């Protein structure tokens, strides 16, 4: 899936893909990938070879990636816990929102009935786009088509509320968004009902609904890297973003 994701980046955001090469050997020493989705900029990838860290390669790649977002009113990054990464994003004007990861064996007796959650498909991408625009100010666009091709989708429509969840090819939760917390919680329950062991990432302080569901089924909570936000993309809750697509 990783190679397919890189092809996806090149197809839809070629001008946001940057490679730093060694001046003598020409070998790659760093890569950055940025996405533009309407007024939202996303850093999908930033990696630097270990021996070239602290050499300015990361700063140059970050500057180039930020340039691809010129004119965007907001931006998001899913950061690692590496101090240099967090320092770079903070200096670039991003607010760092600490996150938790929930992981472990799903305690089946703790699962509650998720109600009217159903399997989603291509016909539900418009629903997902509406939810995205509410949550983060811009739809994921082709990124959801990519996730659907490589994984599965759950959908919940309840009165005037709606939401969706995507799982990757290995069944791990890839993305979840909804207009109301109770819908988001039931989507997460429906996802966890399909799992024996799992992890749920990118749980910010605003996602207490997700913390409660994860505790219901006995998952452990551990600190993880922050979600970094610049500008005001939207409420970003109830929402569990995708690492590469946010």
C-alpha atoms as a PDB file:
ATOM      1  CA  UNK A   1       0.000   0.000   0.000  1.00  0.00           C
ATOM      2  CA  UNK A   2       2.889   2.374   0.706  1.00  0.00           C
ATOM      3  CA  UNK A   3       4.052   2.400  -2.915  1.00  0.00           C
ATOM      4  CA  UNK A   4       0.480   2.912  -4.073  1.00  0.00           C
ATOM      5  CA  UNK A   5       0.197   5.840  -1.669  1.00  0.00           C
ATOM      6  CA  UNK A   6       3.347   7.411  -3.130  1.00  0.00           C
ATOM      7  CA  UNK A   7       1.908   6.995  -6.624  1.00  0.00           C
ATOM      8  CA  UNK A   8      -1.259   8.662  -5.362  1.00  0.00           C
ATOM      9  CA  UNK A   9       0.755  11.609  -4.072  1.00  0.00           C
ATOM     10  CA  UNK A  10       2.526  11.985  -7.410  1.00  0.00           C
ATOM     11  CA  UNK A  11      -0.724  11.784  -9.338  1.00  0.00           C
ATOM     12  CA  UNK A  12      -2.602  14.390  -7.328  1.00  0.00           C
ATOM     13  CA  UNK A  13       0.123  16.591  -5.766  1.00  0.00           C
ATOM     14  CA  UNK A  14       3.202  16.231  -7.941  1.00  0.00           C
ATOM     15  CA  UNK A  15       4.229  19.835  -7.259  1.00  0.00           C
ATOM     16  CA  UNK A  16       4.092  19.109  -3.536  1.00  0.00           C
ATOM     17  CA  UNK A  17       6.631  16.256  -3.726  1.00  0.00           C
ATOM     18  CA  UNK A  18      10.258  17.165  -2.940  1.00  0.00           C
ATOM     19  CA  UNK A  19      13.488  15.167  -2.780  1.00  0.00           C
ATOM     20  CA  UNK A  20      16.784  16.337  -1.267  1.00  0.00           C
ATOM     21  CA  UNK A  21      19.865  14.700  -2.803  1.00  0.00           C
ATOM     22  CA  UNK A  22      23.484  14.478  -1.705  1.00  0.00           C
ATOM     23  CA  UNK A  23      25.524  16.981  -3.755  1.00  0.00           C
ATOM     24  CA  UNK A  24      28.311  14.503  -4.471  1.00  0.00           C
ATOM     25  CA  UNK A  25      26.620  11.119  -4.884  1.00  0.00           C
ATOM     26  CA  UNK A  26      23.190  12.289  -5.991  1.00  0.00           C
ATOM     27  CA  UNK A  27      21.639   9.810  -3.557  1.00  0.00           C
ATOM     28  CA  UNK A  28      18.366  10.886  -1.888  1.00  0.00           C
ATOM     29  CA  UNK A  29      18.821  12.046   1.704  1.00  0.00           C
ATOM     30  CA  UNK A  30      15.318  13.350   2.407  1.00  0.00           C
ATOM     31  CA  UNK A  31      11.750  13.464   1.111  1.00  0.00           C
ATOM     32  CA  UNK A  32       8.791  15.732   1.768  1.00  0.00           C
ATOM     33  CA  UNK A  33       5.233  15.455   0.466  1.00  0.00           C
ATOM     34  CA  UNK A  34       2.584  18.140   0.922  1.00  0.00           C
ATOM     35  CA  UNK A  35      -1.066  18.064  -0.158  1.00  0.00           C
ATOM     36  CA  UNK A  36      -3.513  20.832  -1.024  1.00  0.00           C
ATOM     37  CA  UNK A  37      -7.207  20.212  -0.505  1.00  0.00           C
ATOM     38  CA  UNK A  38      -8.955  23.482  -1.340  1.00  0.00           C
ATOM     39  CA  UNK A  39      -7.844  25.925   1.403  1.00  0.00           C
ATOM     40  CA  UNK A  40      -6.260  23.216   3.581  1.00  0.00           C
ATOM     41  CA  UNK A  41      -2.544  22.317   3.397  1.00  0.00           C
ATOM     42  CA  UNK A  42      -1.363  18.969   4.768  1.00  0.00           C
ATOM     43  CA  UNK A  43       2.155  17.659   5.335  1.00  0.00           C
ATOM     44  CA  UNK A  44       1.827  13.998   4.401  1.00  0.00           C
ATOM     45  CA  UNK A  45       5.472  12.993   4.746  1.00  0.00           C
ATOM     46  CA  UNK A  46       8.805  14.412   5.883  1.00  0.00           C
ATOM     47  CA  UNK A  47      11.761  12.055   6.340  1.00  0.00           C
ATOM     48  CA  UNK A  48      15.502  12.708   6.480  1.00  0.00           C
ATOM     49  CA  UNK A  49      18.286  10.105   6.435  1.00  0.00           C
ATOM     50  CA  UNK A  50      19.647   9.603   9.947  1.00  0.00           C
ATOM     51  CA  UNK A  51      23.180  10.701   9.099  1.00  0.00           C
ATOM     52  CA  UNK A  52      21.880  13.938   7.534  1.00  0.00           C
ATOM     53  CA  UNK A  53      19.796  15.112  10.447  1.00  0.00           C
ATOM     54  CA  UNK A  54      20.920  18.431  11.957  1.00  0.00           C
ATOM     55  CA  UNK A  55      22.434  19.357   8.560  1.00  0.00           C
ATOM     56  CA  UNK A  56      19.643  21.676   7.395  1.00  0.00           C
ATOM     57  CA  UNK A  57      18.065  19.129   5.017  1.00  0.00           C
ATOM     58  CA  UNK A  58      14.887  18.938   7.072  1.00  0.00           C
ATOM     59  CA  UNK A  59      14.551  22.726   7.232  1.00  0.00           C
ATOM     60  CA  UNK A  60      14.964  23.011   3.459  1.00  0.00           C
ATOM     61  CA  UNK A  61      12.385  20.317   2.781  1.00  0.00           C
ATOM     62  CA  UNK A  62       9.951  21.872   5.249  1.00  0.00           C
ATOM     63  CA  UNK A  63      10.355  25.266   3.602  1.00  0.00           C
ATOM     64  CA  UNK A  64       9.675  23.778   0.177  1.00  0.00           C
ATOM     65  CA  UNK A  65       6.631  21.889   1.431  1.00  0.00           C
ATOM     66  CA  UNK A  66       5.237  25.015   3.082  1.00  0.00           C
ATOM     67  CA  UNK A  67       5.691  26.872  -0.180  1.00  0.00           C
ATOM     68  CA  UNK A  68       3.323  24.435  -1.857  1.00  0.00           C
ATOM     69  CA  UNK A  69       0.648  25.647   0.572  1.00  0.00           C
ATOM     70  CA  UNK A  70       0.972  29.325  -0.330  1.00  0.00           C
ATOM     71  CA  UNK A  71      -2.494  30.849  -0.237  1.00  0.00           C
ATOM     72  CA  UNK A  72      -3.977  28.134   1.989  1.00  0.00           C
ATOM     73  CA  UNK A  73      -5.712  29.491   5.073  1.00  0.00           C
ATOM     74  CA  UNK A  74      -4.991  26.501   7.323  1.00  0.00           C
ATOM     75  CA  UNK A  75      -2.652  23.547   7.686  1.00  0.00           C
ATOM     76  CA  UNK A  76      -2.307  20.244   9.526  1.00  0.00           C
ATOM     77  CA  UNK A  77       0.496  17.800  10.335  1.00  0.00           C
ATOM     78  CA  UNK A  78       0.486  14.464  12.167  1.00  0.00           C
ATOM     79  CA  UNK A  79       3.848  14.585  13.938  1.00  0.00           C
ATOM     80  CA  UNK A  80       6.116  11.876  15.252  1.00  0.00           C
ATOM     81  CA  UNK A  81       7.418  12.147  18.806  1.00  0.00           C
ATOM     82  CA  UNK A  82      10.882  13.128  17.544  1.00  0.00           C
ATOM     83  CA  UNK A  83      11.940  16.377  19.271  1.00  0.00           C
ATOM     84  CA  UNK A  84      13.380  17.859  16.062  1.00  0.00           C
ATOM     85  CA  UNK A  85      10.113  17.297  14.195  1.00  0.00           C
ATOM     86  CA  UNK A  86       8.013  18.942  16.900  1.00  0.00           C
ATOM     87  CA  UNK A  87      10.469  21.828  17.161  1.00  0.00           C
ATOM     88  CA  UNK A  88      10.310  22.381  13.391  1.00  0.00           C
ATOM     89  CA  UNK A  89       6.526  22.422  13.305  1.00  0.00           C
ATOM     90  CA  UNK A  90       6.246  24.694  16.312  1.00  0.00           C
ATOM     91  CA  UNK A  91       8.676  27.175  14.767  1.00  0.00           C
ATOM     92  CA  UNK A  92       6.601  27.127  11.581  1.00  0.00           C
ATOM     93  CA  UNK A  93       3.639  28.491  13.546  1.00  0.00           C
ATOM     94  CA  UNK A  94       1.721  25.297  14.188  1.00  0.00           C
ATOM     95  CA  UNK A  95      -0.127  24.683  17.447  1.00  0.00           C
ATOM     96  CA  UNK A  96       0.862  21.257  18.805  1.00  0.00           C
ATOM     97  CA  UNK A  97      -2.078  19.276  20.174  1.00  0.00           C
ATOM     98  CA  UNK A  98      -0.886  16.268  22.220  1.00  0.00           C
ATOM     99  CA  UNK A  99      -2.458  12.910  21.367  1.00  0.00           C
ATOM    100  CA  UNK A 100      -2.950   9.448  22.820  1.00  0.00           C
ATOM    101  CA  UNK A 101      -2.897   6.069  21.127  1.00  0.00           C
ATOM    102  CA  UNK A 102      -5.205   3.340  22.413  1.00  0.00           C
ATOM    103  CA  UNK A 103      -4.001  -0.200  21.797  1.00  0.00           C
ATOM    104  CA  UNK A 104      -4.312  -3.770  22.966  1.00  0.00           C
ATOM    105  CA  UNK A 105      -6.759  -6.662  22.880  1.00  0.00           C
ATOM    106  CA  UNK A 106     -10.416  -5.744  22.437  1.00  0.00           C
ATOM    107  CA  UNK A 107     -12.454  -6.940  25.432  1.00  0.00           C
ATOM    108  CA  UNK A 108     -15.528  -8.287  23.682  1.00  0.00           C
ATOM    109  CA  UNK A 109     -17.796  -8.089  26.726  1.00  0.00           C
ATOM    110  CA  UNK A 110     -17.246  -4.341  26.826  1.00  0.00           C
ATOM    111  CA  UNK A 111     -18.614  -3.770  23.329  1.00  0.00           C
ATOM    112  CA  UNK A 112     -21.939  -1.968  23.091  1.00  0.00           C
ATOM    113  CA  UNK A 113     -24.341  -2.263  20.177  1.00  0.00           C
ATOM    114  CA  UNK A 114     -23.336   0.373  17.590  1.00  0.00           C
ATOM    115  CA  UNK A 115     -26.887   0.592  16.295  1.00  0.00           C
ATOM    116  CA  UNK A 116     -27.519   1.698  12.725  1.00  0.00           C
ATOM    117  CA  UNK A 117     -23.931   1.632  11.416  1.00  0.00           C
ATOM    118  CA  UNK A 118     -23.676   0.061   7.951  1.00  0.00           C
ATOM    119  CA  UNK A 119     -21.034  -0.817   5.399  1.00  0.00           C
ATOM    120  CA  UNK A 120     -20.208   2.139   3.152  1.00  0.00           C
ATOM    121  CA  UNK A 121     -19.116   2.419  -0.437  1.00  0.00           C
ATOM    122  CA  UNK A 122     -18.555   4.777  -3.342  1.00  0.00           C
ATOM    123  CA  UNK A 123     -22.103   6.096  -3.071  1.00  0.00           C
ATOM    124  CA  UNK A 124     -21.228   7.476   0.378  1.00  0.00           C
ATOM    125  CA  UNK A 125     -18.256   9.611  -0.641  1.00  0.00           C
ATOM    126  CA  UNK A 126     -20.484  12.693  -0.937  1.00  0.00           C
ATOM    127  CA  UNK A 127     -21.614  12.127   2.656  1.00  0.00           C
ATOM    128  CA  UNK A 128     -17.969  11.910   3.726  1.00  0.00           C
ATOM    129  CA  UNK A 129     -17.170  15.117   1.856  1.00  0.00           C
ATOM    130  CA  UNK A 130     -19.939  16.952   3.736  1.00  0.00           C
ATOM    131  CA  UNK A 131     -18.603  15.700   7.054  1.00  0.00           C
ATOM    132  CA  UNK A 132     -15.045  16.681   6.080  1.00  0.00           C
ATOM    133  CA  UNK A 133     -16.082  20.193   5.147  1.00  0.00           C
ATOM    134  CA  UNK A 134     -17.795  20.565   8.528  1.00  0.00           C
ATOM    135  CA  UNK A 135     -14.830  19.164  10.489  1.00  0.00           C
ATOM    136  CA  UNK A 136     -11.770  20.539   8.693  1.00  0.00           C
ATOM    137  CA  UNK A 137     -13.015  23.081   6.194  1.00  0.00           C
ATOM    138  CA  UNK A 138     -12.199  20.999   3.106  1.00  0.00           C
ATOM    139  CA  UNK A 139     -12.989  17.519   1.773  1.00  0.00           C
ATOM    140  CA  UNK A 140     -10.325  14.842   1.422  1.00  0.00           C
ATOM    141  CA  UNK A 141     -11.256  14.496  -2.256  1.00  0.00           C
ATOM    142  CA  UNK A 142      -9.260  11.750  -3.990  1.00  0.00           C
ATOM    143  CA  UNK A 143      -7.740  10.581  -0.703  1.00  0.00           C
ATOM    144  CA  UNK A 144     -11.013   8.939   0.337  1.00  0.00           C
ATOM    145  CA  UNK A 145     -11.233   7.166  -3.009  1.00  0.00           C
ATOM    146  CA  UNK A 146      -7.734   5.831  -2.325  1.00  0.00           C
ATOM    147  CA  UNK A 147      -8.698   4.637   1.158  1.00  0.00           C
ATOM    148  CA  UNK A 148     -11.827   2.964  -0.187  1.00  0.00           C
ATOM    149  CA  UNK A 149      -9.876   1.104  -2.879  1.00  0.00           C
ATOM    150  CA  UNK A 150      -7.398  -0.194  -0.336  1.00  0.00           C
ATOM    151  CA  UNK A 151      -9.645  -0.793   2.661  1.00  0.00           C
ATOM    152  CA  UNK A 152     -13.221  -0.643   3.901  1.00  0.00           C
ATOM    153  CA  UNK A 153     -15.754   1.978   4.962  1.00  0.00           C
ATOM    154  CA  UNK A 154     -18.452   2.249   7.626  1.00  0.00           C
ATOM    155  CA  UNK A 155     -21.235   4.835   7.566  1.00  0.00           C
ATOM    156  CA  UNK A 156     -23.854   6.055  10.022  1.00  0.00           C
ATOM    157  CA  UNK A 157     -26.818   8.303   9.204  1.00  0.00           C
ATOM    158  CA  UNK A 158     -28.978   9.143  12.187  1.00  0.00           C
ATOM    159  CA  UNK A 159     -31.561  11.894  11.972  1.00  0.00           C
ATOM    160  CA  UNK A 160     -29.663  14.979  10.881  1.00  0.00           C
ATOM    161  CA  UNK A 161     -26.292  13.551  11.943  1.00  0.00           C
ATOM    162  CA  UNK A 162     -23.875  11.530   9.836  1.00  0.00           C
ATOM    163  CA  UNK A 163     -20.372  10.121   9.895  1.00  0.00           C
ATOM    164  CA  UNK A 164     -17.930   7.681   8.371  1.00  0.00           C
ATOM    165  CA  UNK A 165     -14.937   5.517   9.251  1.00  0.00           C
ATOM    166  CA  UNK A 166     -12.259   3.959   7.038  1.00  0.00           C
ATOM    167  CA  UNK A 167     -10.072   0.969   7.836  1.00  0.00           C
ATOM    168  CA  UNK A 168      -6.846   0.190   6.012  1.00  0.00           C
ATOM    169  CA  UNK A 169      -5.981  -3.084   4.274  1.00  0.00           C
ATOM    170  CA  UNK A 170      -4.785  -4.556   7.582  1.00  0.00           C
ATOM    171  CA  UNK A 171      -8.057  -3.583   9.271  1.00  0.00           C
ATOM    172  CA  UNK A 172      -6.546  -0.805  11.412  1.00  0.00           C
ATOM    173  CA  UNK A 173      -8.615   2.357  11.742  1.00  0.00           C
ATOM    174  CA  UNK A 174      -7.384   4.853   9.142  1.00  0.00           C
ATOM    175  CA  UNK A 175      -9.807   7.789   9.484  1.00  0.00           C
ATOM    176  CA  UNK A 176     -13.054   8.629  11.292  1.00  0.00           C
ATOM    177  CA  UNK A 177     -15.222  11.726  11.215  1.00  0.00           C
ATOM    178  CA  UNK A 178     -18.770  12.644  12.185  1.00  0.00           C
ATOM    179  CA  UNK A 179     -21.011  15.599  12.877  1.00  0.00           C
ATOM    180  CA  UNK A 180     -21.954  14.401  16.377  1.00  0.00           C
ATOM    181  CA  UNK A 181     -20.015  12.569  19.080  1.00  0.00           C
ATOM    182  CA  UNK A 182     -22.594   9.791  19.563  1.00  0.00           C
ATOM    183  CA  UNK A 183     -22.385   8.914  15.868  1.00  0.00           C
ATOM    184  CA  UNK A 184     -18.584   8.932  16.013  1.00  0.00           C
ATOM    185  CA  UNK A 185     -18.616   6.698  19.105  1.00  0.00           C
ATOM    186  CA  UNK A 186     -20.871   4.135  17.436  1.00  0.00           C
ATOM    187  CA  UNK A 187     -18.716   4.128  14.305  1.00  0.00           C
ATOM    188  CA  UNK A 188     -15.704   3.399  16.492  1.00  0.00           C
ATOM    189  CA  UNK A 189     -17.604   0.640  18.316  1.00  0.00           C
ATOM    190  CA  UNK A 190     -18.607  -0.942  15.001  1.00  0.00           C
ATOM    191  CA  UNK A 191     -14.979  -0.842  13.866  1.00  0.00           C
ATOM    192  CA  UNK A 192     -13.678  -2.359  17.111  1.00  0.00           C
ATOM    193  CA  UNK A 193     -16.291  -5.138  16.913  1.00  0.00           C
ATOM    194  CA  UNK A 194     -14.360  -6.459  13.901  1.00  0.00           C
ATOM    195  CA  UNK A 195     -11.020  -6.599  15.725  1.00  0.00           C
ATOM    196  CA  UNK A 196      -9.214  -8.869  18.188  1.00  0.00           C
ATOM    197  CA  UNK A 197      -6.182  -6.624  18.743  1.00  0.00           C
ATOM    198  CA  UNK A 198      -5.878  -3.107  17.417  1.00  0.00           C
ATOM    199  CA  UNK A 199      -4.685   0.439  17.893  1.00  0.00           C
ATOM    200  CA  UNK A 200      -6.531   3.740  17.575  1.00  0.00           C
ATOM    201  CA  UNK A 201      -4.252   6.720  16.970  1.00  0.00           C
ATOM    202  CA  UNK A 202      -4.390  10.524  17.017  1.00  0.00           C
ATOM    203  CA  UNK A 203      -6.780  10.908  19.959  1.00  0.00           C
ATOM    204  CA  UNK A 204      -6.592  14.585  21.000  1.00  0.00           C
ATOM    205  CA  UNK A 205      -8.111  16.090  24.148  1.00  0.00           C
ATOM    206  CA  UNK A 206     -11.203  17.030  22.119  1.00  0.00           C
ATOM    207  CA  UNK A 207     -11.958  13.353  21.425  1.00  0.00           C
ATOM    208  CA  UNK A 208     -13.096  12.273  24.884  1.00  0.00           C
ATOM    209  CA  UNK A 209     -15.835  10.223  23.208  1.00  0.00           C
ATOM    210  CA  UNK A 210     -13.071   8.066  21.670  1.00  0.00           C
ATOM    211  CA  UNK A 211     -11.269   7.702  25.006  1.00  0.00           C
ATOM    212  CA  UNK A 212     -14.499   6.431  26.596  1.00  0.00           C
ATOM    213  CA  UNK A 213     -15.105   3.861  23.856  1.00  0.00           C
ATOM    214  CA  UNK A 214     -11.516   2.615  24.006  1.00  0.00           C
ATOM    215  CA  UNK A 215     -11.720   2.248  27.789  1.00  0.00           C
ATOM    216  CA  UNK A 216     -15.009   0.334  27.427  1.00  0.00           C
ATOM    217  CA  UNK A 217     -13.178  -2.399  25.547  1.00  0.00           C
ATOM    218  CA  UNK A 218     -10.074  -2.437  27.736  1.00  0.00           C
ATOM    219  CA  UNK A 219      -7.526  -0.775  25.454  1.00  0.00           C
ATOM    220  CA  UNK A 220      -4.431   0.804  27.000  1.00  0.00           C
ATOM    221  CA  UNK A 221      -3.735   4.514  26.504  1.00  0.00           C
ATOM    222  CA  UNK A 222      -0.197   5.726  25.768  1.00  0.00           C
ATOM    223  CA  UNK A 223       1.189   9.143  24.730  1.00  0.00           C
ATOM    224  CA  UNK A 224       1.922   9.703  21.038  1.00  0.00           C
ATOM    225  CA  UNK A 225       3.033  12.491  18.709  1.00  0.00           C
ATOM    226  CA  UNK A 226       0.960  15.658  18.377  1.00  0.00           C
ATOM    227  CA  UNK A 227      -1.471  16.790  15.734  1.00  0.00           C
ATOM    228  CA  UNK A 228      -0.165  20.177  14.582  1.00  0.00           C
ATOM    229  CA  UNK A 229      -2.635  22.814  13.415  1.00  0.00           C
ATOM    230  CA  UNK A 230      -2.178  26.243  11.866  1.00  0.00           C
ATOM    231  CA  UNK A 231      -5.060  28.584  11.162  1.00  0.00           C
ATOM    232  CA  UNK A 232      -8.646  27.488  11.801  1.00  0.00           C
ATOM    233  CA  UNK A 233      -9.551  24.535   9.577  1.00  0.00           C
ATOM    234  CA  UNK A 234     -12.656  23.666  11.601  1.00  0.00           C
ATOM    235  CA  UNK A 235     -13.691  22.094  14.922  1.00  0.00           C
ATOM    236  CA  UNK A 236     -11.661  18.897  14.220  1.00  0.00           C
ATOM    237  CA  UNK A 237     -14.039  17.010  16.498  1.00  0.00           C
ATOM    238  CA  UNK A 238     -15.438  14.389  16.583  1.00  0.00           C
ATOM    239  CA  UNK A 239     -12.520  13.317  14.428  1.00  0.00           C
ATOM    240  CA  UNK A 240      -9.699  10.771  14.312  1.00  0.00           C
ATOM    241  CA  UNK A 241      -7.487  11.851  11.415  1.00  0.00           C
ATOM    242  CA  UNK A 242      -5.374   9.841   9.026  1.00  0.00           C
ATOM    243  CA  UNK A 243      -1.610  10.131   9.511  1.00  0.00           C
ATOM    244  CA  UNK A 244      -0.764  10.837   5.847  1.00  0.00           C
ATOM    245  CA  UNK A 245      -4.052  12.453   4.770  1.00  0.00           C
ATOM    246  CA  UNK A 246      -5.140  14.158   8.039  1.00  0.00           C
END
